[in-house]
PDB file of N, CA and C in Angstrom:
ATOM      1  N   MET A   1      12.526  -3.189   5.176  1.00  0.00           N
ATOM      2  CA  MET A   1      11.487  -2.347   4.635  1.00  0.00           C
ATOM      3  C   MET A   1      10.597  -3.183   3.718  1.00  0.00           C
ATOM      4  N   ILE A   2       9.298  -3.002   3.826  1.00  0.00           N
ATOM      5  CA  ILE A   2       8.329  -3.712   2.999  1.00  0.00           C
ATOM      6  C   ILE A   2       7.592  -2.687   2.152  1.00  0.00           C
ATOM      7  N   ALA A   3       7.402  -2.969   0.884  1.00  0.00           N
ATOM      8  CA  ALA A   3       6.615  -2.089   0.019  1.00  0.00           C
ATOM      9  C   ALA A   3       5.622  -2.928  -0.766  1.00  0.00           C
ATOM     10  N   ILE A   4       4.371  -2.505  -0.753  1.00  0.00           N
ATOM     11  CA  ILE A   4       3.323  -3.202  -1.476  1.00  0.00           C
ATOM     12  C   ILE A   4       2.640  -2.205  -2.395  1.00  0.00           C
ATOM     13  N   LYS A   5       2.594  -2.513  -3.678  1.00  0.00           N
ATOM     14  CA  LYS A   5       1.838  -1.661  -4.598  1.00  0.00           C
ATOM     15  C   LYS A   5       0.367  -1.996  -4.420  1.00  0.00           C
ATOM     16  N   VAL A   6      -0.412  -0.984  -4.106  1.00  0.00           N
ATOM     17  CA  VAL A   6      -1.826  -1.190  -3.837  1.00  0.00           C
ATOM     18  C   VAL A   6      -2.614  -0.965  -5.123  1.00  0.00           C
ATOM     19  N   SER A   7      -3.192  -2.026  -5.619  1.00  0.00           N
ATOM     20  CA  SER A   7      -4.047  -1.912  -6.797  1.00  0.00           C
ATOM     21  C   SER A   7      -5.042  -3.057  -6.779  1.00  0.00           C
ATOM     22  N   SER A   8      -6.063  -2.925  -7.571  1.00  0.00           N
ATOM     23  CA  SER A   8      -7.077  -3.973  -7.603  1.00  0.00           C
ATOM     24  C   SER A   8      -6.519  -5.281  -8.157  1.00  0.00           C
ATOM     25  N   GLU A   9      -5.386  -5.220  -8.855  1.00  0.00           N
ATOM     26  CA  GLU A   9      -4.799  -6.436  -9.420  1.00  0.00           C
ATOM     27  C   GLU A   9      -4.014  -7.256  -8.396  1.00  0.00           C
ATOM     28  N   ASN A  10      -3.501  -6.638  -7.358  1.00  0.00           N
ATOM     29  CA  ASN A  10      -2.643  -7.395  -6.437  1.00  0.00           C
ATOM     30  C   ASN A  10      -3.200  -7.455  -5.024  1.00  0.00           C
ATOM     31  N   ILE A  11      -4.498  -7.579  -4.922  1.00  0.00           N
ATOM     32  CA  ILE A  11      -5.107  -7.687  -3.601  1.00  0.00           C
ATOM     33  C   ILE A  11      -4.589  -8.925  -2.866  1.00  0.00           C
ATOM     34  N   GLN A  12      -4.332 -10.007  -3.580  1.00  0.00           N
ATOM     35  CA  GLN A  12      -3.838 -11.224  -2.941  1.00  0.00           C
ATOM     36  C   GLN A  12      -2.515 -10.969  -2.222  1.00  0.00           C
ATOM     37  N   GLU A  13      -1.632 -10.204  -2.844  1.00  0.00           N
ATOM     38  CA  GLU A  13      -0.347  -9.888  -2.212  1.00  0.00           C
ATOM     39  C   GLU A  13      -0.558  -9.137  -0.900  1.00  0.00           C
ATOM     40  N   LEU A  14      -1.553  -8.256  -0.875  1.00  0.00           N
ATOM     41  CA  LEU A  14      -1.850  -7.541   0.361  1.00  0.00           C
ATOM     42  C   LEU A  14      -2.325  -8.497   1.445  1.00  0.00           C
ATOM     43  N   TRP A  15      -3.166  -9.444   1.068  1.00  0.00           N
ATOM     44  CA  TRP A  15      -3.667 -10.383   2.067  1.00  0.00           C
ATOM     45  C   TRP A  15      -2.553 -11.250   2.643  1.00  0.00           C
ATOM     46  N   GLU A  16      -1.486 -11.450   1.896  1.00  0.00           N
ATOM     47  CA  GLU A  16      -0.380 -12.262   2.394  1.00  0.00           C
ATOM     48  C   GLU A  16       0.466 -11.518   3.419  1.00  0.00           C
ATOM     49  N   CYS A  17       0.256 -10.214   3.555  1.00  0.00           N
ATOM     50  CA  CYS A  17       0.986  -9.425   4.548  1.00  0.00           C
ATOM     51  C   CYS A  17       0.311  -9.621   5.904  1.00  0.00           C
ATOM     52  N   PRO A  18       1.028 -10.105   6.916  1.00  0.00           N
ATOM     53  CA  PRO A  18       0.402 -10.425   8.202  1.00  0.00           C
ATOM     54  C   PRO A  18      -0.167  -9.218   8.945  1.00  0.00           C
ATOM     55  N   ASP A  19       0.277  -8.013   8.608  1.00  0.00           N
ATOM     56  CA  ASP A  19      -0.228  -6.827   9.295  1.00  0.00           C
ATOM     57  C   ASP A  19      -1.601  -6.388   8.808  1.00  0.00           C
ATOM     58  N   VAL A  20      -2.024  -6.858   7.640  1.00  0.00           N
ATOM     59  CA  VAL A  20      -3.294  -6.415   7.057  1.00  0.00           C
ATOM     60  C   VAL A  20      -4.440  -7.214   7.661  1.00  0.00           C
ATOM     61  N   SER A  21      -5.427  -6.501   8.207  1.00  0.00           N
ATOM     62  CA  SER A  21      -6.570  -7.186   8.801  1.00  0.00           C
ATOM     63  C   SER A  21      -7.823  -7.109   7.937  1.00  0.00           C
ATOM     64  N   GLU A  22      -7.927  -6.083   7.070  1.00  0.00           N
ATOM     65  CA  GLU A  22      -9.115  -5.957   6.225  1.00  0.00           C
ATOM     66  C   GLU A  22      -8.819  -5.058   5.032  1.00  0.00           C
ATOM     67  N   LEU A  23      -9.435  -5.365   3.905  1.00  0.00           N
ATOM     68  CA  LEU A  23      -9.333  -4.539   2.700  1.00  0.00           C
ATOM     69  C   LEU A  23     -10.736  -4.165   2.254  1.00  0.00           C
ATOM     70  N   VAL A  24     -10.918  -2.899   1.927  1.00  0.00           N
ATOM     71  CA  VAL A  24     -12.202  -2.435   1.415  1.00  0.00           C
ATOM     72  C   VAL A  24     -11.922  -1.680   0.129  1.00  0.00           C
ATOM     73  N   LYS A  25     -12.551  -2.095  -0.960  1.00  0.00           N
ATOM     74  CA  LYS A  25     -12.350  -1.446  -2.254  1.00  0.00           C
ATOM     75  C   LYS A  25     -13.459  -0.417  -2.463  1.00  0.00           C
ATOM     76  N   THR A  26     -13.086   0.810  -2.772  1.00  0.00           N
ATOM     77  CA  THR A  26     -14.072   1.853  -3.028  1.00  0.00           C
ATOM     78  C   THR A  26     -13.829   2.440  -4.405  1.00  0.00           C
ATOM     79  N   ILE A  27     -14.874   2.911  -5.013  1.00  0.00           N
ATOM     80  CA  ILE A  27     -14.767   3.582  -6.307  1.00  0.00           C
ATOM     81  C   ILE A  27     -15.293   4.991  -6.123  1.00  0.00           C
ATOM     82  N   SER A  28     -14.498   5.972  -6.502  1.00  0.00           N
ATOM     83  CA  SER A  28     -14.924   7.352  -6.308  1.00  0.00           C
ATOM     84  C   SER A  28     -15.094   8.057  -7.646  1.00  0.00           C
ATOM     85  N   GLY A  29     -16.089   8.890  -7.708  1.00  0.00           N
ATOM     86  CA  GLY A  29     -16.283   9.737  -8.879  1.00  0.00           C
ATOM     87  C   GLY A  29     -16.604   8.989 -10.153  1.00  0.00           C
ATOM     88  N   ASP A  30     -15.730   9.088 -11.111  1.00  0.00           N
ATOM     89  CA  ASP A  30     -15.989   8.571 -12.453  1.00  0.00           C
ATOM     90  C   ASP A  30     -15.657   7.089 -12.623  1.00  0.00           C
ATOM     91  N   ARG A  31     -15.474   6.396 -11.555  1.00  0.00           N
ATOM     92  CA  ARG A  31     -15.149   4.961 -11.550  1.00  0.00           C
ATOM     93  C   ARG A  31     -13.761   4.645 -12.072  1.00  0.00           C
ATOM     94  N   LYS A  32     -13.011   5.627 -12.450  1.00  0.00           N
ATOM     95  CA  LYS A  32     -11.639   5.378 -12.884  1.00  0.00           C
ATOM     96  C   LYS A  32     -10.680   5.491 -11.708  1.00  0.00           C
ATOM     97  N   LYS A  33     -11.080   6.220 -10.683  1.00  0.00           N
ATOM     98  CA  LYS A  33     -10.216   6.398  -9.522  1.00  0.00           C
ATOM     99  C   LYS A  33     -10.680   5.463  -8.418  1.00  0.00           C
ATOM    100  N   GLN A  34      -9.917   4.427  -8.202  1.00  0.00           N
ATOM    101  CA  GLN A  34     -10.247   3.490  -7.142  1.00  0.00           C
ATOM    102  C   GLN A  34      -9.355   3.755  -5.942  1.00  0.00           C
ATOM    103  N   THR A  35      -9.906   3.528  -4.788  1.00  0.00           N
ATOM    104  CA  THR A  35      -9.148   3.641  -3.551  1.00  0.00           C
ATOM    105  C   THR A  35      -9.366   2.358  -2.769  1.00  0.00           C
ATOM    106  N   LEU A  36      -8.306   1.827  -2.233  1.00  0.00           N
ATOM    107  CA  LEU A  36      -8.426   0.685  -1.341  1.00  0.00           C
ATOM    108  C   LEU A  36      -8.218   1.175   0.082  1.00  0.00           C
ATOM    109  N   ILE A  37      -9.122   0.808   0.952  1.00  0.00           N
ATOM    110  CA  ILE A  37      -8.923   1.089   2.367  1.00  0.00           C
ATOM    111  C   ILE A  37      -8.209  -0.133   2.930  1.00  0.00           C
ATOM    112  N   VAL A  38      -7.007   0.079   3.417  1.00  0.00           N
ATOM    113  CA  VAL A  38      -6.213  -1.008   3.974  1.00  0.00           C
ATOM    114  C   VAL A  38      -6.212  -0.831   5.483  1.00  0.00           C
ATOM    115  N   ARG A  39      -6.850  -1.760   6.175  1.00  0.00           N
ATOM    116  CA  ARG A  39      -6.897  -1.699   7.635  1.00  0.00           C
ATOM    117  C   ARG A  39      -5.831  -2.624   8.198  1.00  0.00           C
ATOM    118  N   LEU A  40      -4.952  -2.022   8.964  1.00  0.00           N
ATOM    119  CA  LEU A  40      -3.930  -2.795   9.655  1.00  0.00           C
ATOM    120  C   LEU A  40      -4.441  -3.069  11.059  1.00  0.00           C
ATOM    121  N   LYS A  41      -3.617  -3.642  11.886  1.00  0.00           N
ATOM    122  CA  LYS A  41      -4.058  -3.984  13.235  1.00  0.00           C
ATOM    123  C   LYS A  41      -4.500  -2.763  14.035  1.00  0.00           C
ATOM    124  N   ASN A  42      -3.826  -1.635  13.851  1.00  0.00           N
ATOM    125  CA  ASN A  42      -4.169  -0.461  14.646  1.00  0.00           C
ATOM    126  C   ASN A  42      -4.267   0.817  13.822  1.00  0.00           C
ATOM    127  N   ARG A  43      -4.275   0.715  12.503  1.00  0.00           N
ATOM    128  CA  ARG A  43      -4.327   1.898  11.631  1.00  0.00           C
ATOM    129  C   ARG A  43      -5.151   1.597  10.402  1.00  0.00           C
ATOM    130  N   GLU A  44      -5.513   2.662   9.713  1.00  0.00           N
ATOM    131  CA  GLU A  44      -6.280   2.528   8.484  1.00  0.00           C
ATOM    132  C   GLU A  44      -5.714   3.494   7.458  1.00  0.00           C
ATOM    133  N   PHE A  45      -5.502   3.024   6.248  1.00  0.00           N
ATOM    134  CA  PHE A  45      -4.944   3.851   5.178  1.00  0.00           C
ATOM    135  C   PHE A  45      -5.897   3.867   3.993  1.00  0.00           C
ATOM    136  N   TYR A  46      -6.102   5.040   3.446  1.00  0.00           N
ATOM    137  CA  TYR A  46      -6.842   5.193   2.193  1.00  0.00           C
ATOM    138  C   TYR A  46      -5.786   5.330   1.109  1.00  0.00           C
ATOM    139  N   VAL A  47      -5.639   4.310   0.305  1.00  0.00           N
ATOM    140  CA  VAL A  47      -4.543   4.256  -0.652  1.00  0.00           C
ATOM    141  C   VAL A  47      -5.102   4.296  -2.075  1.00  0.00           C
ATOM    142  N   PRO A  48      -4.779   5.347  -2.836  1.00  0.00           N
ATOM    143  CA  PRO A  48      -5.238   5.406  -4.229  1.00  0.00           C
ATOM    144  C   PRO A  48      -4.637   4.272  -5.056  1.00  0.00           C
ATOM    145  N   ASP A  49      -5.376   3.842  -6.045  1.00  0.00           N
ATOM    146  CA  ASP A  49      -4.929   2.772  -6.933  1.00  0.00           C
ATOM    147  C   ASP A  49      -3.583   3.129  -7.547  1.00  0.00           C
ATOM    148  N   GLY A  50      -2.625   2.225  -7.442  1.00  0.00           N
ATOM    149  CA  GLY A  50      -1.301   2.441  -8.015  1.00  0.00           C
ATOM    150  C   GLY A  50      -0.285   3.017  -7.045  1.00  0.00           C
ATOM    151  N   PHE A  51      -0.722   3.454  -5.859  1.00  0.00           N
ATOM    152  CA  PHE A  51       0.207   3.974  -4.859  1.00  0.00           C
ATOM    153  C   PHE A  51       0.794   2.813  -4.064  1.00  0.00           C
ATOM    154  N   TYR A  52       1.744   3.108  -3.202  1.00  0.00           N
ATOM    155  CA  TYR A  52       2.441   2.085  -2.431  1.00  0.00           C
ATOM    156  C   TYR A  52       2.197   2.262  -0.940  1.00  0.00           C
ATOM    157  N   LEU A  53       2.059   1.144  -0.251  1.00  0.00           N
ATOM    158  CA  LEU A  53       2.005   1.127   1.203  1.00  0.00           C
ATOM    159  C   LEU A  53       3.351   0.578   1.654  1.00  0.00           C
ATOM    160  N   VAL A  54       4.090   1.368   2.432  1.00  0.00           N
ATOM    161  CA  VAL A  54       5.465   1.031   2.780  1.00  0.00           C
ATOM    162  C   VAL A  54       5.615   0.953   4.296  1.00  0.00           C
ATOM    163  N   LYS A  55       6.269  -0.108   4.745  1.00  0.00           N
ATOM    164  CA  LYS A  55       6.597  -0.272   6.165  1.00  0.00           C
ATOM    165  C   LYS A  55       8.101  -0.101   6.296  1.00  0.00           C
ATOM    166  N   ASP A  56       8.530   0.874   7.101  1.00  0.00           N
ATOM    167  CA  ASP A  56       9.961   1.151   7.223  1.00  0.00           C
ATOM    168  C   ASP A  56      10.608   0.319   8.327  1.00  0.00           C
ATOM    169  N   GLU A  57      11.890   0.561   8.539  1.00  0.00           N
ATOM    170  CA  GLU A  57      12.646  -0.228   9.522  1.00  0.00           C
ATOM    171  C   GLU A  57      12.196   0.008  10.959  1.00  0.00           C
ATOM    172  N   ASN A  58      11.414   1.068  11.198  1.00  0.00           N
ATOM    173  CA  ASN A  58      10.866   1.337  12.535  1.00  0.00           C
ATOM    174  C   ASN A  58       9.437   0.825  12.672  1.00  0.00           C
ATOM    175  N   ASP A  59       9.017  -0.032  11.755  1.00  0.00           N
ATOM    176  CA  ASP A  59       7.660  -0.589  11.730  1.00  0.00           C
ATOM    177  C   ASP A  59       6.577   0.462  11.556  1.00  0.00           C
ATOM    178  N   GLN A  60       6.912   1.573  10.924  1.00  0.00           N
ATOM    179  CA  GLN A  60       5.943   2.626  10.639  1.00  0.00           C
ATOM    180  C   GLN A  60       5.450   2.477   9.202  1.00  0.00           C
ATOM    181  N   TRP A  61       4.137   2.562   9.016  1.00  0.00           N
ATOM    182  CA  TRP A  61       3.543   2.457   7.690  1.00  0.00           C
ATOM    183  C   TRP A  61       3.278   3.836   7.123  1.00  0.00           C
ATOM    184  N   SER A  62       3.402   3.976   5.817  1.00  0.00           N
ATOM    185  CA  SER A  62       3.050   5.225   5.145  1.00  0.00           C
ATOM    186  C   SER A  62       2.642   4.921   3.712  1.00  0.00           C
ATOM    187  N   THR A  63       1.936   5.879   3.112  1.00  0.00           N
ATOM    188  CA  THR A  63       1.494   5.765   1.728  1.00  0.00           C
ATOM    189  C   THR A  63       2.389   6.626   0.861  1.00  0.00           C
ATOM    190  N   LEU A  64       2.895   6.057  -0.217  1.00  0.00           N
ATOM    191  CA  LEU A  64       3.783   6.796  -1.113  1.00  0.00           C
ATOM    192  C   LEU A  64       3.220   6.816  -2.527  1.00  0.00           C
ATOM    193  N   SER A  65       3.394   7.949  -3.176  1.00  0.00           N
ATOM    194  CA  SER A  65       3.016   8.052  -4.586  1.00  0.00           C
ATOM    195  C   SER A  65       4.025   7.257  -5.411  1.00  0.00           C
ATOM    196  N   PRO A  66       3.654   6.879  -6.626  1.00  0.00           N
ATOM    197  CA  PRO A  66       4.609   6.151  -7.475  1.00  0.00           C
ATOM    198  C   PRO A  66       5.916   6.921  -7.699  1.00  0.00           C
ATOM    199  N   SER A  67       5.836   8.241  -7.852  1.00  0.00           N
ATOM    200  CA  SER A  67       7.063   9.017  -8.093  1.00  0.00           C
ATOM    201  C   SER A  67       7.958   9.047  -6.856  1.00  0.00           C
ATOM    202  N   LEU A  68       7.376   9.154  -5.678  1.00  0.00           N
ATOM    203  CA  LEU A  68       8.178   9.132  -4.452  1.00  0.00           C
ATOM    204  C   LEU A  68       8.767   7.743  -4.223  1.00  0.00           C
ATOM    205  N   TYR A  69       7.986   6.720  -4.526  1.00  0.00           N
ATOM    206  CA  TYR A  69       8.493   5.358  -4.387  1.00  0.00           C
ATOM    207  C   TYR A  69       9.694   5.122  -5.299  1.00  0.00           C
ATOM    208  N   GLU A  70       9.656   5.676  -6.499  1.00  0.00           N
ATOM    209  CA  GLU A  70      10.781   5.536  -7.428  1.00  0.00           C
ATOM    210  C   GLU A  70      12.074   6.072  -6.817  1.00  0.00           C
ATOM    211  N   LEU A  71      11.965   7.128  -6.007  1.00  0.00           N
ATOM    212  CA  LEU A  71      13.155   7.718  -5.385  1.00  0.00           C
ATOM    213  C   LEU A  71      13.774   6.815  -4.322  1.00  0.00           C
ATOM    214  N   ILE A  72      12.955   6.000  -3.658  1.00  0.00           N
ATOM    215  CA  ILE A  72      13.483   5.186  -2.557  1.00  0.00           C
ATOM    216  C   ILE A  72      13.510   3.689  -2.856  1.00  0.00           C
ATOM    217  N   LYS A  73      13.067   3.269  -4.036  1.00  0.00           N
ATOM    218  CA  LYS A  73      12.908   1.835  -4.284  1.00  0.00           C
ATOM    219  C   LYS A  73      14.199   1.045  -4.179  1.00  0.00           C
ATOM    220  N   ASP A  74      15.336   1.648  -4.475  1.00  0.00           N
ATOM    221  CA  ASP A  74      16.596   0.912  -4.339  1.00  0.00           C
ATOM    222  C   ASP A  74      16.842   0.534  -2.889  1.00  0.00           C
ATOM    223  N   LYS A  75      16.510   1.426  -1.980  1.00  0.00           N
ATOM    224  CA  LYS A  75      16.668   1.124  -0.560  1.00  0.00           C
ATOM    225  C   LYS A  75      15.690   0.030  -0.136  1.00  0.00           C
ATOM    226  N   VAL A  76      14.468   0.103  -0.620  1.00  0.00           N
ATOM    227  CA  VAL A  76      13.465  -0.903  -0.275  1.00  0.00           C
ATOM    228  C   VAL A  76      13.910  -2.279  -0.742  1.00  0.00           C
ATOM    229  N   HIS A  77      14.314  -2.388  -1.987  1.00  0.00           N
ATOM    230  CA  HIS A  77      14.688  -3.693  -2.527  1.00  0.00           C
ATOM    231  C   HIS A  77      16.073  -4.132  -2.060  1.00  0.00           C
ATOM    232  N   GLY A  78      16.912  -3.207  -1.674  1.00  0.00           N
ATOM    233  CA  GLY A  78      18.244  -3.544  -1.202  1.00  0.00           C
ATOM    234  C   GLY A  78      18.258  -4.179   0.169  1.00  0.00           C
ATOM    235  N   GLU A  79      17.203  -3.959   0.955  1.00  0.00           N
ATOM    236  CA  GLU A  79      17.175  -4.474   2.324  1.00  0.00           C
ATOM    237  C   GLU A  79      16.288  -5.688   2.491  1.00  0.00           C
ATOM    238  N   LYS A  80      15.847  -6.302   1.415  1.00  0.00           N
ATOM    239  CA  LYS A  80      14.967  -7.472   1.526  1.00  0.00           C
ATOM    240  C   LYS A  80      15.667  -8.611   2.208  1.00  0.00           C
TER     241      LYS A  80
END
């Protein structure tokens, strides 16, 4: 399982993931809420700043909130 925290601070970490083909940074509303569009080879995710993009053991990607990630992080880090 792979988990990447999506934020404007760790864009480099996202680029190091071989599945990522393009990143687009957007600012919505009051400029405090940023969203990164993460384009993979065949999918596109709109990921709010601070959320996680997770690839599971079946190679499926999903977006998780920080609170949901906290519930599964032991499994994510346990299988590295």
